[in-house]
Amino acid sequence: MTSTPPLPSTPHPLVTRAQRLARELLVPNAERVDQQEVPASHIAAVKRSGLLGVSAPEEYGGADAPVTVARESAEILAGACCSTWFVQTQHHTPVKLLATYDSPVRARLLRPLATGELLAGIAYAHVRAFPRVPVRAAADRGGWRFEGKVPWYTGWGLNDVMLLAGVTDTAEVVFVVVGAREQPGMRPSAPMRLAALSAARTVSLELDGLWAPQESVVLRASQEEFALVDLPRAANTSPAVFGVAAAALDLVARAREGDEPARSLRARLDQVRREAYALADHPVPHETVPERLAVKTRAYDVMRAATTAAIVAGGGRSMALDSRAQRLAREGMFLLVQGQTADARRAHLGALASG
């Protein structure tokens, strides 16, 4: 196992910008946003901050910052307003794929995505349901036709483009970039009302012959190749877990009796955070999937304890819809299932059953 390098004593400029964005915009408006929706002005501020290009190549206008910077920035945003974090976090997967794989669409889109001119969403988590195929892709007229239903798509009305994936009859996964708007062959549902993060503008998408030209293809890979990369990544603990837990512990520490519980829980959080990031940096990802899932489950335990402590410390006030503690607890509940795979679900349920 490799060790994640420590953060420098002087924060990276993008970390400083994330802190300022959180302090001046996200935290003061988080409860209102939670009950309404992520406003376009929040996304405009994220675009201006440069955070959308945190890991993008410098030659395309990105920051190419160390992974520690990307993680800390994500923790800050998630702890400040998880709905805003969730909309913008979708963007980083298309950027990474475009930076990794040469394609005509890279020349056209990577720079505007890296500089924050455009915001991307993702519509590919359904590929993890294989051998069930919610979205099918088929070669058609020199491009690709998509049929089926995308169960979850976040950021509708905020994203400019989306990374869409479908599976062919020969179990090949085809990734394309298309416009994130209603168009022939693609129809969105009404925005979903969810127990948490309704503000993130999540819809389902009905695909009925959506056609994408060959020039929009980012990557084609067998389902086995996709799983080899995706399963270890999905087993990693999201930085948002640590961000939400830390924000909850800040609330606990302010309570009259909360100082010692906050210190104890923060020590547990710091330990599991170090372990999770060290595993995420392992040079052979698929070799450590069980260990990643075990640490992910422990991180969930600490997050759940932290958000529960915030509820307890807040007392009856925590039941108000505008309570920060309650919002963080619901966001924590959301993170338990965000990006969940069957392996993660089995590991988590097993850990809960064993106590």
Protein backbone atom coordinates (compact mmCIF):
# COMPACT_ATOMS: atom_id res chain seq x y z
CA MET A 1 0.00 0.00 0.00
CA THR A 2 1.28 3.45 -0.88
CA SER A 3 0.83 6.46 1.37
CA THR A 4 -0.98 9.57 0.22
CA PRO A 5 1.46 12.49 0.39
CA PRO A 6 0.61 15.06 3.07
CA LEU A 7 -0.98 18.32 1.99
CA PRO A 8 1.47 21.24 1.82
CA SER A 9 1.42 23.73 4.68
CA THR A 10 0.39 26.49 2.26
CA PRO A 11 -2.96 25.58 0.66
CA HIS A 12 -3.09 25.17 -3.09
CA PRO A 13 -4.83 28.15 -4.77
CA LEU A 14 -7.76 25.93 -5.76
CA VAL A 15 -8.23 24.81 -2.16
CA THR A 16 -8.25 28.47 -1.12
CA ARG A 17 -10.86 29.21 -3.78
CA ALA A 18 -12.98 26.28 -2.63
CA GLN A 19 -12.81 27.56 0.95
CA ARG A 20 -13.83 31.05 -0.13
CA LEU A 21 -16.66 29.72 -2.30
CA ALA A 22 -17.91 27.63 0.62
CA ARG A 23 -17.63 30.45 3.15
CA GLU A 24 -19.11 33.25 1.07
CA LEU A 25 -21.74 31.49 -1.05
CA LEU A 26 -22.45 27.83 -0.39
CA VAL A 27 -22.76 27.63 3.41
CA PRO A 28 -24.91 30.78 3.83
CA ASN A 29 -27.39 29.49 1.25
CA ALA A 30 -27.23 25.72 1.82
CA GLU A 31 -30.50 25.29 3.74
CA ARG A 32 -32.43 27.39 1.21
CA VAL A 33 -30.90 25.51 -1.72
CA ASP A 34 -31.70 22.18 -0.03
CA GLN A 35 -35.42 23.08 -0.01
CA GLN A 36 -35.41 24.50 -3.55
CA GLU A 37 -32.79 23.72 -6.22
CA VAL A 38 -29.18 24.44 -7.05
CA PRO A 39 -29.33 27.82 -8.76
CA ALA A 40 -27.52 28.56 -11.99
CA SER A 41 -25.63 31.29 -10.11
CA HIS A 42 -23.99 28.63 -7.91
CA ILE A 43 -22.79 26.75 -10.98
CA ALA A 44 -21.57 29.98 -12.56
CA ALA A 45 -19.50 30.63 -9.42
CA VAL A 46 -18.03 27.10 -9.56
CA LYS A 47 -17.17 27.63 -13.22
CA ARG A 48 -15.39 30.91 -12.44
CA SER A 49 -13.44 29.34 -9.58
CA GLY A 50 -11.39 27.06 -11.84
CA LEU A 51 -12.37 24.01 -9.79
CA LEU A 52 -13.89 22.26 -12.80
CA GLY A 53 -10.40 21.95 -14.23
CA VAL A 54 -8.69 20.83 -11.02
CA SER A 55 -7.40 17.57 -12.57
CA ALA A 56 -7.51 18.56 -16.24
CA PRO A 57 -4.29 18.84 -18.29
CA GLU A 58 -2.59 22.22 -18.28
CA GLU A 59 -2.26 22.21 -22.07
CA TYR A 60 -6.06 22.31 -22.27
CA GLY A 61 -6.45 25.07 -19.68
CA GLY A 62 -6.76 22.90 -16.57
CA ALA A 63 -4.78 23.02 -13.33
CA ASP A 64 -3.43 19.43 -13.40
CA ALA A 65 -3.37 19.65 -9.59
CA PRO A 66 -2.32 16.76 -7.35
CA VAL A 67 -5.03 14.30 -6.34
CA THR A 68 -4.78 15.59 -2.76
CA VAL A 69 -6.00 18.99 -3.98
CA ALA A 70 -8.93 17.47 -5.87
CA ARG A 71 -9.94 15.48 -2.77
CA GLU A 72 -9.67 18.37 -0.33
CA SER A 73 -11.61 20.66 -2.65
CA ALA A 74 -14.35 18.04 -2.98
CA GLU A 75 -14.53 17.65 0.81
CA ILE A 76 -14.92 21.40 1.23
CA LEU A 77 -17.69 21.71 -1.36
CA ALA A 78 -19.59 18.66 -0.11
CA GLY A 79 -19.44 19.81 3.50
CA ALA A 80 -20.69 23.25 2.49
CA CYS A 81 -23.54 22.30 0.12
CA CYS A 82 -23.72 18.66 -0.92
CA SER A 83 -26.25 19.38 -3.67
CA THR A 84 -23.90 21.81 -5.41
CA TRP A 85 -21.00 19.41 -4.93
CA PHE A 86 -23.01 16.57 -6.47
CA VAL A 87 -23.88 18.54 -9.60
CA GLN A 88 -20.31 19.61 -10.25
CA THR A 89 -18.66 16.31 -9.31
CA GLN A 90 -20.25 14.63 -12.34
CA HIS A 91 -18.10 16.87 -14.52
CA HIS A 92 -14.77 15.34 -13.56
CA THR A 93 -15.39 11.89 -15.08
CA PRO A 94 -15.93 13.17 -18.66
CA VAL A 95 -12.87 15.39 -18.26
CA LYS A 96 -10.75 12.43 -17.16
CA LEU A 97 -11.96 10.21 -20.00
CA LEU A 98 -11.36 12.90 -22.61
CA ALA A 99 -7.89 13.55 -21.22
CA THR A 100 -7.06 9.83 -21.21
CA TYR A 101 -8.39 8.69 -24.59
CA ASP A 102 -7.66 10.37 -27.88
CA SER A 103 -10.79 11.12 -29.89
CA PRO A 104 -12.25 13.83 -32.13
CA VAL A 105 -14.47 14.95 -29.27
CA ARG A 106 -11.41 15.61 -27.11
CA ALA A 107 -10.14 18.25 -29.52
CA ARG A 108 -13.56 19.87 -29.54
CA LEU A 109 -14.60 19.75 -25.89
CA LEU A 110 -11.73 19.16 -23.47
CA ARG A 111 -10.59 22.78 -23.37
CA PRO A 112 -14.06 24.31 -22.70
CA LEU A 113 -14.67 21.64 -20.06
CA ALA A 114 -11.27 22.16 -18.42
CA THR A 115 -11.64 25.94 -18.28
CA GLY A 116 -15.19 25.79 -16.92
CA GLU A 117 -16.80 27.29 -20.00
CA LEU A 118 -18.98 24.16 -20.15
CA LEU A 119 -20.32 21.83 -17.45
CA ALA A 120 -20.71 18.11 -18.11
CA GLY A 121 -22.95 15.51 -16.50
CA ILE A 122 -22.83 11.71 -16.60
CA ALA A 123 -25.35 9.08 -17.64
CA TYR A 124 -23.53 5.78 -17.37
CA ALA A 125 -24.03 4.31 -13.86
CA HIS A 126 -26.68 1.99 -15.32
CA VAL A 127 -23.88 0.07 -17.06
CA ARG A 128 -23.07 -1.42 -13.63
CA ALA A 129 -26.39 -3.32 -13.80
CA PHE A 130 -24.91 -5.69 -16.42
CA PRO A 131 -26.01 -8.32 -17.50
CA ARG A 132 -29.20 -6.30 -17.29
CA VAL A 133 -28.96 -3.57 -19.95
CA PRO A 134 -31.13 -0.51 -19.22
CA VAL A 135 -29.66 1.38 -22.21
CA ARG A 136 -28.76 -0.33 -25.47
CA ALA A 137 -26.43 1.06 -28.11
CA ALA A 138 -26.43 -0.01 -31.75
CA ALA A 139 -24.44 1.13 -34.77
CA ASP A 140 -26.68 3.16 -37.04
CA ARG A 141 -26.13 5.48 -40.03
CA GLY A 142 -22.44 6.02 -39.36
CA GLY A 143 -23.07 6.73 -35.69
CA TRP A 144 -24.82 5.18 -32.68
CA ARG A 145 -28.47 4.84 -31.68
CA PHE A 146 -29.47 4.61 -28.00
CA GLU A 147 -32.64 3.01 -26.65
CA GLY A 148 -33.83 2.50 -23.09
CA LYS A 149 -33.99 4.46 -19.84
CA VAL A 150 -31.31 6.26 -17.86
CA PRO A 151 -32.66 5.86 -14.29
CA TRP A 152 -30.75 8.80 -12.80
CA TYR A 153 -29.32 11.91 -14.40
CA THR A 154 -28.22 14.80 -12.19
CA GLY A 155 -27.87 18.46 -13.13
CA TRP A 156 -30.63 18.67 -15.72
CA GLY A 157 -30.99 22.29 -16.77
CA LEU A 158 -27.52 23.11 -15.44
CA ASN A 159 -25.27 20.85 -17.53
CA ASP A 160 -24.25 21.77 -21.06
CA VAL A 161 -23.27 18.27 -22.22
CA MET A 162 -23.47 14.72 -20.89
CA LEU A 163 -21.39 11.57 -21.08
CA LEU A 164 -23.85 8.85 -22.09
CA ALA A 165 -23.13 5.11 -22.23
CA GLY A 166 -25.00 2.18 -23.70
CA VAL A 167 -24.21 -1.51 -24.13
CA THR A 168 -24.27 -3.29 -27.50
CA ASP A 169 -25.54 -6.79 -28.24
CA THR A 170 -21.92 -7.97 -28.06
CA ALA A 171 -21.44 -6.51 -24.53
CA GLU A 172 -19.39 -3.54 -25.69
CA VAL A 173 -19.83 -0.30 -23.76
CA VAL A 174 -20.03 2.79 -25.98
CA PHE A 175 -19.46 6.23 -24.41
CA VAL A 176 -20.54 9.33 -26.32
CA VAL A 177 -20.90 13.03 -25.51
CA VAL A 178 -24.25 14.59 -26.41
CA GLY A 179 -26.05 17.81 -25.58
CA ALA A 180 -27.72 17.82 -22.16
CA ARG A 181 -31.10 18.99 -23.40
CA GLU A 182 -34.39 17.57 -24.61
CA GLN A 183 -34.01 16.55 -28.24
CA PRO A 184 -35.32 13.98 -30.71
CA GLY A 185 -34.90 10.58 -29.07
CA MET A 186 -34.33 11.91 -25.53
CA ARG A 187 -37.03 13.04 -23.12
CA PRO A 188 -36.51 13.90 -19.42
CA SER A 189 -38.90 13.10 -16.61
CA ALA A 190 -40.08 15.74 -14.16
CA PRO A 191 -37.43 16.52 -11.51
CA MET A 192 -37.39 13.79 -8.87
CA ARG A 193 -38.44 14.56 -5.30
CA LEU A 194 -35.98 12.72 -3.08
CA ALA A 195 -35.37 12.46 0.66
CA ALA A 196 -32.05 14.23 0.11
CA LEU A 197 -30.45 16.21 -2.70
CA SER A 198 -33.68 16.93 -4.58
CA ALA A 199 -31.99 20.27 -5.21
CA ALA A 200 -29.46 18.59 -7.53
CA ARG A 201 -32.07 18.48 -10.32
CA THR A 202 -32.12 14.74 -10.92
CA VAL A 203 -34.33 13.28 -13.66
CA SER A 204 -34.64 10.03 -15.54
CA LEU A 205 -34.14 10.04 -19.31
CA GLU A 206 -36.25 8.11 -21.83
CA LEU A 207 -34.14 7.26 -24.87
CA ASP A 208 -36.10 6.37 -27.97
CA GLY A 209 -33.70 6.32 -30.88
CA LEU A 210 -31.34 9.06 -29.71
CA TRP A 211 -28.68 9.26 -32.42
CA ALA A 212 -25.08 10.37 -31.85
CA PRO A 213 -22.52 10.76 -34.64
CA GLN A 214 -19.30 8.76 -34.68
CA GLU A 215 -17.41 11.98 -33.93
CA SER A 216 -19.07 12.10 -30.49
CA VAL A 217 -17.59 8.76 -29.36
CA VAL A 218 -15.16 9.06 -26.44
CA LEU A 219 -14.46 5.39 -25.79
CA ARG A 220 -15.55 1.87 -26.72
CA ALA A 221 -14.61 -0.96 -24.36
CA SER A 222 -15.81 -4.44 -23.54
CA GLN A 223 -17.97 -4.75 -20.44
CA GLU A 224 -15.15 -6.72 -18.80
CA GLU A 225 -12.65 -3.92 -19.48
CA PHE A 226 -15.10 -1.36 -18.12
CA ALA A 227 -15.67 -3.39 -14.93
CA LEU A 228 -11.93 -3.85 -14.35
CA VAL A 229 -11.53 -0.07 -14.12
CA ASP A 230 -14.90 0.85 -12.66
CA LEU A 231 -15.25 -1.64 -9.79
CA PRO A 232 -12.10 -0.56 -7.89
CA ARG A 233 -13.01 3.09 -8.44
CA ALA A 234 -16.56 2.51 -7.20
CA ALA A 235 -15.13 0.78 -4.11
CA ASN A 236 -13.27 3.94 -3.09
CA THR A 237 -14.69 6.16 -0.36
CA SER A 238 -16.00 9.43 -1.78
CA PRO A 239 -14.34 12.58 -0.40
CA ALA A 240 -17.88 13.84 0.16
CA VAL A 241 -18.25 11.34 3.02
CA PHE A 242 -15.38 13.02 4.84
CA GLY A 243 -16.64 16.50 3.97
CA VAL A 244 -20.15 15.92 5.31
CA ALA A 245 -18.81 14.18 8.43
CA ALA A 246 -16.39 17.03 9.15
CA ALA A 247 -19.14 19.64 8.72
CA ALA A 248 -21.33 17.71 11.16
CA LEU A 249 -18.50 17.53 13.71
CA ASP A 250 -18.07 21.29 13.46
CA LEU A 251 -21.67 21.58 14.66
CA VAL A 252 -21.09 19.08 17.46
CA ALA A 253 -18.00 20.96 18.66
CA ARG A 254 -20.06 24.14 19.08
CA ALA A 255 -22.57 22.45 21.38
CA ARG A 256 -22.21 22.82 25.15
CA GLU A 257 -21.42 19.14 25.74
CA GLY A 258 -19.95 18.47 22.32
CA ASP A 259 -16.25 19.23 22.61
CA GLU A 260 -15.04 15.80 23.70
CA PRO A 261 -17.37 13.78 21.41
CA ALA A 262 -16.27 15.94 18.48
CA ARG A 263 -12.58 15.36 19.26
CA SER A 264 -13.05 11.60 19.57
CA LEU A 265 -15.06 11.28 16.37
CA ARG A 266 -12.66 13.53 14.47
CA ALA A 267 -9.75 11.27 15.41
CA ARG A 268 -11.65 8.28 14.02
CA LEU A 269 -12.52 10.24 10.89
CA ASP A 270 -8.91 11.29 10.30
CA GLN A 271 -7.72 7.70 10.64
CA VAL A 272 -10.20 6.18 8.23
CA ARG A 273 -9.62 9.06 5.80
CA ARG A 274 -5.89 8.29 5.71
CA GLU A 275 -6.56 4.60 5.10
CA ALA A 276 -9.16 5.23 2.40
CA TYR A 277 -6.94 7.58 0.40
CA ALA A 278 -3.91 5.30 0.73
CA LEU A 279 -5.94 2.45 -0.75
CA ALA A 280 -7.28 4.69 -3.50
CA ASP A 281 -3.67 5.42 -4.47
CA HIS A 282 -2.68 1.75 -4.66
CA PRO A 283 -0.79 1.12 -7.94
CA VAL A 284 -2.82 -2.01 -8.78
CA PRO A 285 -6.42 -0.98 -8.01
CA HIS A 286 -8.23 -4.30 -8.61
CA GLU A 287 -6.00 -6.06 -6.05
CA THR A 288 -7.44 -4.10 -3.12
CA VAL A 289 -11.19 -4.04 -3.77
CA PRO A 290 -12.16 -5.97 -0.58
CA GLU A 291 -9.95 -3.71 1.54
CA ARG A 292 -11.42 -0.61 -0.08
CA LEU A 293 -14.95 -1.80 0.60
CA ALA A 294 -14.11 -2.56 4.24
CA VAL A 295 -12.66 0.91 4.77
CA LYS A 296 -15.57 2.49 2.92
CA THR A 297 -17.95 0.79 5.34
CA ARG A 298 -15.97 2.12 8.31
CA ALA A 299 -16.06 5.61 6.82
CA TYR A 300 -19.84 5.33 6.55
CA ASP A 301 -19.97 4.31 10.21
CA VAL A 302 -18.03 7.40 11.28
CA MET A 303 -20.10 9.68 9.04
CA ARG A 304 -23.31 8.23 10.44
CA ALA A 305 -22.03 8.73 14.00
CA ALA A 306 -21.00 12.31 13.21
CA THR A 307 -24.31 13.31 11.63
CA THR A 308 -26.25 11.57 14.42
CA ALA A 309 -24.17 13.46 16.98
CA ALA A 310 -25.04 16.72 15.21
CA ILE A 311 -28.75 15.86 15.42
CA VAL A 312 -28.45 15.00 19.13
CA ALA A 313 -26.46 18.15 19.88
CA GLY A 314 -29.07 20.25 18.11
CA GLY A 315 -31.94 18.81 20.12
CA GLY A 316 -35.47 19.61 19.01
CA ARG A 317 -34.19 22.28 16.64
CA SER A 318 -32.78 19.49 14.49
CA MET A 319 -36.31 18.56 13.41
CA ALA A 320 -36.84 21.84 11.59
CA LEU A 321 -36.46 21.61 7.82
CA ASP A 322 -34.03 24.50 7.89
CA SER A 323 -31.76 22.75 10.41
CA ARG A 324 -28.18 22.35 9.21
CA ALA A 325 -27.77 19.19 11.29
CA GLN A 326 -30.81 17.58 9.70
CA ARG A 327 -29.65 18.53 6.21
CA LEU A 328 -26.23 16.98 6.84
CA ALA A 329 -27.85 13.81 8.19
CA ARG A 330 -30.00 13.47 5.07
CA GLU A 331 -27.01 14.17 2.84
CA GLY A 332 -25.13 11.45 4.71
CA MET A 333 -28.00 9.06 4.03
CA PHE A 334 -27.73 9.90 0.34
CA LEU A 335 -23.99 9.20 0.31
CA LEU A 336 -24.64 5.67 1.64
CA VAL A 337 -26.13 4.74 -1.73
CA GLN A 338 -24.50 7.20 -4.13
CA GLY A 339 -22.65 5.23 -6.82
CA GLN A 340 -23.49 2.01 -4.99
CA THR A 341 -22.56 -1.32 -6.57
CA ALA A 342 -23.80 -4.79 -5.65
CA ASP A 343 -20.41 -5.55 -4.05
CA ALA A 344 -20.56 -2.39 -1.94
CA ARG A 345 -24.11 -3.16 -0.84
CA ARG A 346 -23.18 -6.70 0.21
CA ALA A 347 -20.12 -5.49 2.11
CA HIS A 348 -22.05 -2.78 3.91
CA LEU A 349 -25.00 -5.01 4.83
CA GLY A 350 -22.61 -7.69 6.03
CA ALA A 351 -20.80 -5.22 8.26
CA LEU A 352 -24.09 -3.93 9.67
CA ALA A 353 -25.31 -7.48 10.38
CA SER A 354 -22.10 -8.40 12.20
CA GLY A 355 -22.21 -5.30 14.35
